[in-house]
Amino acid sequence: MQGASRDSLAGIRSQLAEITRAGAAPAAETAPGGAYPAGSRPAGAAGASAPAGVDRVALAADLRSAAALLGREPGLRRALADNTKPEEARTGLLEALVGQRVGAGALTVLRAAVAARWSRAHDLVDAVELLAVDAELTEAEATDSLADVEDQLFRFARIVDGTPRLGQLLADATAPVEQRTELATGLLEGQANPVTVRLAAVAVHGLGGRGFDASLQRLVELTAARRDREIAYVTAAAPLTPAQEERLVARLAAIYGRSVSLKVEVDPSLLGGVTVRVGDDLYDGSVARRLEQARGALAN
């Protein structure tokens, strides 16, 4: 997402932040993927006005349902993102379709999204998906559990990565998404924060067109960004001591100018040392890499 779409998303995120800053109403029950069954909303899910006592969980579920609708209906998303049509026509179409199916807060956000300018129609879908994630992260922030959610998502990703059959099942796009969602949430329910469970379901459905693994990684990064942190993926030949982790965090924080959250994985094949990836930057200080370089120098 770039250009006009990026600017539009930034503006709507600010509006969403205003809405979700209000105290939340009691969370309503939703399906694991966040959509309400048969298009109906539970009693109490919709507030009388957007900002007052907004239920962030229901808001996120409404936005996910809207994103799913836009993803399934290319003609609809093109019509709603068509800047050549009057804004009133686009928002009127939106209200006719979902006005009675979502809460007031979600409708306010969706109206802003439809009124905005998008570089391509599918950016509207991606934006609504991200806004739903923002609402979930606001809920985690309000309950002081952002760090837990970040860590649980990362650990779940490592479990899936270390269990090839599980990874295949969750990433199998030919299998019904409902079954895959039930598998992922069933593994986490009762063991992880409810926000983590719902975000794992988001990863199964795919975020911004990504596959399951990439979606889960992106959610870890979005959670860290909400904490104003960079994610550093560290692979070490042996577990790092607390002192080593502290030194590495301090070094990376000095480089990137912000706090750093380490995600450490042990891989004995490195023989020694560590590799560190932050965004597109890769620092490879492993013994295996140095041996490879030495062999290359001898070969030349």
Protein backbone atom coordinates (compact mmCIF):
# COMPACT_ATOMS: atom_id res chain seq x y z
CA MET A 1 0.00 0.00 0.00
CA GLN A 2 1.44 3.37 -0.97
CA GLY A 3 0.65 6.89 -2.12
CA ALA A 4 -2.93 8.00 -1.59
CA SER A 5 -3.86 4.71 0.05
CA ARG A 6 -1.19 5.05 2.73
CA ASP A 7 -2.28 8.61 3.51
CA SER A 8 -5.93 7.59 3.66
CA LEU A 9 -5.21 4.72 6.03
CA ALA A 10 -3.23 6.99 8.35
CA GLY A 11 -6.13 9.42 8.58
CA ILE A 12 -8.73 6.74 9.26
CA ARG A 13 -6.49 5.15 11.88
CA SER A 14 -6.50 8.46 13.71
CA GLN A 15 -10.29 8.51 13.61
CA LEU A 16 -10.43 4.90 14.84
CA ALA A 17 -8.12 5.81 17.71
CA GLU A 18 -10.58 8.52 18.79
CA ILE A 19 -13.45 6.05 18.72
CA THR A 20 -11.65 3.28 20.61
CA ARG A 21 -10.19 5.63 23.21
CA ALA A 22 -13.55 5.61 24.99
CA GLY A 23 -14.15 3.02 27.67
CA ALA A 24 -15.32 -0.28 26.24
CA ALA A 25 -18.74 -1.75 26.81
CA PRO A 26 -18.87 -5.42 27.85
CA ALA A 27 -17.58 -7.60 25.03
CA ALA A 28 -20.21 -9.46 23.03
CA GLU A 29 -19.79 -13.07 21.93
CA THR A 30 -18.58 -13.53 18.35
CA ALA A 31 -17.63 -16.44 16.19
CA PRO A 32 -13.90 -17.39 16.28
CA GLY A 33 -13.18 -15.61 13.00
CA GLY A 34 -14.95 -12.47 14.23
CA ALA A 35 -18.04 -12.65 12.01
CA TYR A 36 -21.53 -12.80 13.41
CA PRO A 37 -23.50 -15.87 12.32
CA ALA A 38 -26.19 -15.41 9.68
CA GLY A 39 -25.37 -11.70 9.44
CA SER A 40 -26.94 -10.88 12.80
CA ARG A 41 -25.26 -9.12 15.70
CA PRO A 42 -25.59 -10.17 19.33
CA ALA A 43 -27.76 -8.00 21.54
CA GLY A 44 -25.85 -5.04 22.89
CA ALA A 45 -23.11 -5.22 20.26
CA ALA A 46 -24.11 -1.95 18.63
CA GLY A 47 -23.84 1.24 20.65
CA ALA A 48 -26.14 4.21 20.35
CA SER A 49 -23.30 6.45 19.22
CA ALA A 50 -19.85 5.79 17.85
CA PRO A 51 -17.51 7.08 20.57
CA ALA A 52 -19.47 6.42 23.78
CA GLY A 53 -18.71 3.14 25.51
CA VAL A 54 -17.68 1.45 22.26
CA ASP A 55 -17.22 -2.32 22.41
CA ARG A 56 -13.80 -2.74 20.81
CA VAL A 57 -14.21 -6.49 20.38
CA ALA A 58 -17.51 -6.08 18.51
CA LEU A 59 -16.03 -3.18 16.52
CA ALA A 60 -13.12 -5.38 15.37
CA ALA A 61 -15.52 -8.20 14.48
CA ASP A 62 -17.70 -5.83 12.46
CA LEU A 63 -14.70 -4.53 10.53
CA ARG A 64 -13.49 -8.06 9.81
CA SER A 65 -16.93 -9.00 8.51
CA ALA A 66 -16.96 -5.92 6.27
CA ALA A 67 -13.48 -6.73 4.96
CA ALA A 68 -14.58 -10.30 4.22
CA LEU A 69 -17.59 -9.00 2.30
CA LEU A 70 -15.42 -6.63 0.25
CA GLY A 71 -12.93 -9.42 -0.39
CA ARG A 72 -15.66 -11.73 -1.73
CA GLU A 73 -17.34 -9.08 -3.91
CA PRO A 74 -14.95 -7.41 -6.38
CA GLY A 75 -17.73 -5.39 -7.99
CA LEU A 76 -18.75 -3.97 -4.63
CA ARG A 77 -15.26 -2.97 -3.57
CA ARG A 78 -14.66 -1.32 -6.94
CA ALA A 79 -17.89 0.64 -6.58
CA LEU A 80 -17.07 1.75 -3.02
CA ALA A 81 -13.48 2.73 -3.91
CA ASP A 82 -14.38 4.53 -7.15
CA ASN A 83 -13.32 8.14 -6.56
CA THR A 84 -15.07 9.25 -9.76
CA LYS A 85 -18.43 8.64 -8.07
CA PRO A 86 -19.84 11.17 -5.59
CA GLU A 87 -18.94 10.48 -1.97
CA GLU A 88 -22.63 10.52 -1.03
CA ALA A 89 -23.34 7.74 -3.52
CA ARG A 90 -20.55 5.56 -2.15
CA THR A 91 -21.44 6.05 1.50
CA GLY A 92 -25.13 5.61 0.68
CA LEU A 93 -24.38 2.24 -0.92
CA LEU A 94 -22.35 1.23 2.11
CA GLU A 95 -25.13 2.16 4.53
CA ALA A 96 -27.72 0.30 2.47
CA LEU A 97 -25.62 -2.86 2.62
CA VAL A 98 -24.26 -2.90 6.17
CA GLY A 99 -25.93 -0.07 8.06
CA GLN A 100 -28.16 -2.43 10.04
CA ARG A 101 -25.54 -5.15 10.41
CA VAL A 102 -22.71 -3.32 12.17
CA GLY A 103 -22.40 -1.11 15.22
CA ALA A 104 -22.30 2.66 15.10
CA GLY A 105 -18.54 2.78 15.67
CA ALA A 106 -17.82 0.39 12.80
CA LEU A 107 -20.20 2.28 10.51
CA THR A 108 -18.40 5.54 11.31
CA VAL A 109 -15.04 3.96 10.43
CA LEU A 110 -16.38 2.31 7.27
CA ARG A 111 -17.95 5.57 6.10
CA ALA A 112 -14.57 7.27 6.48
CA ALA A 113 -12.90 4.43 4.58
CA VAL A 114 -15.36 4.60 1.69
CA ALA A 115 -15.07 8.39 1.53
CA ALA A 116 -11.26 8.22 1.31
CA ARG A 117 -9.10 7.94 -1.80
CA TRP A 118 -7.45 4.59 -2.64
CA SER A 119 -4.78 3.88 -5.22
CA ARG A 120 -6.51 0.58 -6.05
CA ALA A 121 -9.77 -0.97 -4.99
CA HIS A 122 -8.19 -3.84 -3.04
CA ASP A 123 -6.38 -1.32 -0.82
CA LEU A 124 -9.79 -0.61 0.70
CA VAL A 125 -10.05 -4.27 1.76
CA ASP A 126 -6.52 -4.29 3.17
CA ALA A 127 -7.19 -1.07 5.07
CA VAL A 128 -10.37 -2.37 6.71
CA GLU A 129 -8.51 -5.56 7.74
CA LEU A 130 -5.76 -3.48 9.33
CA LEU A 131 -8.30 -1.28 11.11
CA ALA A 132 -9.85 -4.41 12.62
CA VAL A 133 -6.41 -5.43 13.89
CA ASP A 134 -5.94 -1.92 15.31
CA ALA A 135 -9.19 -2.30 17.26
CA GLU A 136 -8.02 -5.62 18.71
CA LEU A 137 -4.66 -4.15 19.69
CA THR A 138 -6.43 -1.24 21.37
CA GLU A 139 -8.34 -3.80 23.43
CA ALA A 140 -5.07 -5.49 24.41
CA GLU A 141 -3.54 -2.11 25.22
CA ALA A 142 -6.52 -1.23 27.43
CA THR A 143 -6.03 -4.44 29.42
CA ASP A 144 -2.24 -3.99 29.60
CA SER A 145 -1.65 -7.21 27.67
CA LEU A 146 0.06 -6.05 24.46
CA ALA A 147 3.38 -7.64 25.47
CA ASP A 148 1.62 -10.93 26.24
CA VAL A 149 -0.18 -10.91 22.89
CA GLU A 150 3.05 -10.21 21.03
CA ASP A 151 4.87 -13.03 22.81
CA GLN A 152 2.00 -15.50 22.42
CA LEU A 153 1.67 -14.85 18.69
CA PHE A 154 5.41 -15.36 18.24
CA ARG A 155 5.44 -18.56 20.28
CA PHE A 156 2.46 -19.90 18.37
CA ALA A 157 4.31 -19.19 15.12
CA ARG A 158 7.32 -21.13 16.41
CA ILE A 159 5.14 -24.06 17.46
CA VAL A 160 3.55 -24.17 14.02
CA ASP A 161 6.94 -23.86 12.35
CA GLY A 162 8.27 -26.74 14.44
CA THR A 163 5.27 -28.96 13.65
CA PRO A 164 5.23 -29.34 9.85
CA ARG A 165 1.94 -31.23 9.70
CA LEU A 166 0.19 -28.54 11.75
CA GLY A 167 1.63 -25.85 9.53
CA GLN A 168 0.39 -27.65 6.42
CA LEU A 169 -3.11 -27.98 7.84
CA LEU A 170 -3.37 -24.31 8.84
CA ALA A 171 -1.94 -23.04 5.55
CA ASP A 172 -3.94 -25.35 3.26
CA ALA A 173 -6.02 -22.95 1.19
CA THR A 174 -7.96 -25.87 -0.29
CA ALA A 175 -9.40 -26.78 3.13
CA PRO A 176 -12.46 -24.90 4.49
CA VAL A 177 -11.30 -21.80 6.33
CA GLU A 178 -13.79 -22.51 9.12
CA GLN A 179 -12.10 -25.84 9.88
CA ARG A 180 -8.64 -24.27 9.86
CA THR A 181 -9.84 -21.44 12.09
CA GLU A 182 -11.35 -23.92 14.55
CA LEU A 183 -8.04 -25.80 14.66
CA ALA A 184 -5.98 -22.68 15.36
CA THR A 185 -8.31 -21.19 17.95
CA GLY A 186 -8.84 -24.56 19.60
CA LEU A 187 -5.12 -24.84 20.25
CA LEU A 188 -5.03 -21.41 21.88
CA GLU A 189 -8.33 -20.99 23.70
CA GLY A 190 -7.86 -21.19 27.44
CA GLN A 191 -4.09 -20.96 26.97
CA ALA A 192 -3.70 -17.48 25.49
CA ASN A 193 -5.17 -13.99 25.73
CA PRO A 194 -8.53 -13.71 23.89
CA VAL A 195 -7.00 -11.07 21.60
CA THR A 196 -4.28 -13.57 20.65
CA VAL A 197 -6.92 -16.16 19.82
CA ARG A 198 -8.82 -13.76 17.57
CA LEU A 199 -5.66 -12.58 15.83
CA ALA A 200 -4.64 -16.18 15.17
CA ALA A 201 -8.00 -16.55 13.39
CA VAL A 202 -7.12 -13.44 11.36
CA ALA A 203 -3.85 -15.13 10.32
CA VAL A 204 -5.76 -18.20 9.13
CA HIS A 205 -8.04 -16.03 6.98
CA GLY A 206 -4.97 -14.16 5.70
CA LEU A 207 -3.97 -10.54 6.26
CA GLY A 208 -3.52 -8.38 3.20
CA GLY A 209 -3.45 -11.39 0.89
CA ARG A 210 -0.65 -13.09 2.81
CA GLY A 211 -0.49 -16.78 3.65
CA PHE A 212 -0.86 -18.03 7.20
CA ASP A 213 2.83 -17.88 8.21
CA ALA A 214 3.40 -14.42 6.74
CA SER A 215 0.15 -13.15 8.28
CA LEU A 216 1.16 -14.38 11.72
CA GLN A 217 4.57 -12.73 11.40
CA ARG A 218 2.95 -9.47 10.28
CA LEU A 219 0.65 -9.55 13.31
CA VAL A 220 3.65 -9.95 15.61
CA GLU A 221 5.24 -6.92 13.96
CA LEU A 222 2.07 -4.82 14.19
CA THR A 223 1.76 -5.66 17.89
CA ALA A 224 5.38 -4.67 18.49
CA ALA A 225 4.89 -1.43 16.55
CA ARG A 226 1.92 -0.64 18.79
CA ARG A 227 4.39 -0.85 21.69
CA ASP A 228 6.75 1.45 19.70
CA ARG A 229 9.23 -1.37 19.32
CA GLU A 230 11.22 -2.93 16.52
CA ILE A 231 11.13 -6.72 16.23
CA ALA A 232 14.54 -8.39 16.09
CA TYR A 233 14.42 -12.03 15.02
CA VAL A 234 17.47 -13.68 16.53
CA THR A 235 18.72 -17.16 15.69
CA ALA A 236 21.43 -18.42 18.03
CA ALA A 237 23.44 -21.63 18.18
CA ALA A 238 22.64 -21.90 21.90
CA PRO A 239 20.21 -20.13 24.26
CA LEU A 240 21.27 -16.57 25.08
CA THR A 241 21.88 -15.64 28.69
CA PRO A 242 19.90 -12.71 30.15
CA ALA A 243 23.10 -10.62 30.06
CA GLN A 244 23.65 -11.42 26.39
CA GLU A 245 20.07 -10.52 25.54
CA GLU A 246 20.37 -7.25 27.45
CA ARG A 247 23.56 -6.30 25.56
CA LEU A 248 22.01 -7.20 22.21
CA VAL A 249 18.85 -5.18 22.95
CA ALA A 250 20.94 -2.15 23.93
CA ARG A 251 23.07 -2.40 20.79
CA LEU A 252 20.08 -2.71 18.47
CA ALA A 253 18.19 0.08 20.24
CA ALA A 254 21.17 2.36 19.66
CA ILE A 255 21.19 1.46 15.95
CA TYR A 256 17.44 1.87 15.33
CA GLY A 257 16.66 4.63 17.80
CA ARG A 258 13.77 2.82 19.48
CA SER A 259 13.13 -0.05 21.86
CA VAL A 260 13.68 -3.54 20.50
CA SER A 261 11.76 -6.73 21.18
CA LEU A 262 13.89 -9.87 20.76
CA LYS A 263 12.37 -13.05 19.32
CA VAL A 264 14.99 -15.73 19.89
CA GLU A 265 15.15 -19.14 18.21
CA VAL A 266 17.86 -21.74 18.83
CA ASP A 267 19.47 -23.49 15.84
CA PRO A 268 22.56 -25.62 16.66
CA SER A 269 23.46 -25.81 12.95
CA LEU A 270 24.86 -22.28 13.26
CA LEU A 271 27.71 -23.85 15.29
CA GLY A 272 28.20 -20.59 17.17
CA GLY A 273 27.31 -16.89 17.13
CA VAL A 274 23.97 -15.41 16.10
CA THR A 275 22.03 -14.04 13.16
CA VAL A 276 19.76 -11.03 13.63
CA ARG A 277 17.06 -9.82 11.27
CA VAL A 278 15.34 -6.47 11.77
CA GLY A 279 12.98 -5.65 8.92
CA ASP A 280 15.02 -6.01 5.72
CA ASP A 281 18.34 -5.80 7.59
CA LEU A 282 20.21 -9.04 8.24
CA TYR A 283 23.27 -9.32 10.49
CA ASP A 284 24.92 -12.73 10.20
CA GLY A 285 27.59 -13.30 12.84
CA SER A 286 27.30 -17.08 12.93
CA VAL A 287 30.25 -19.44 12.86
CA ALA A 288 28.60 -21.30 9.98
CA ARG A 289 28.57 -18.09 7.93
CA ARG A 290 32.23 -17.35 8.70
CA LEU A 291 33.20 -20.90 7.68
CA GLU A 292 31.28 -20.48 4.44
CA GLN A 293 33.12 -17.23 3.76
CA ALA A 294 36.45 -18.89 4.52
CA ARG A 295 35.71 -21.76 2.14
CA GLY A 296 34.76 -19.27 -0.55
CA ALA A 297 38.02 -17.35 -0.07
CA LEU A 298 40.07 -20.57 -0.34
CA ALA A 299 38.19 -21.62 -3.46
CA ASN A 300 39.12 -18.35 -5.13
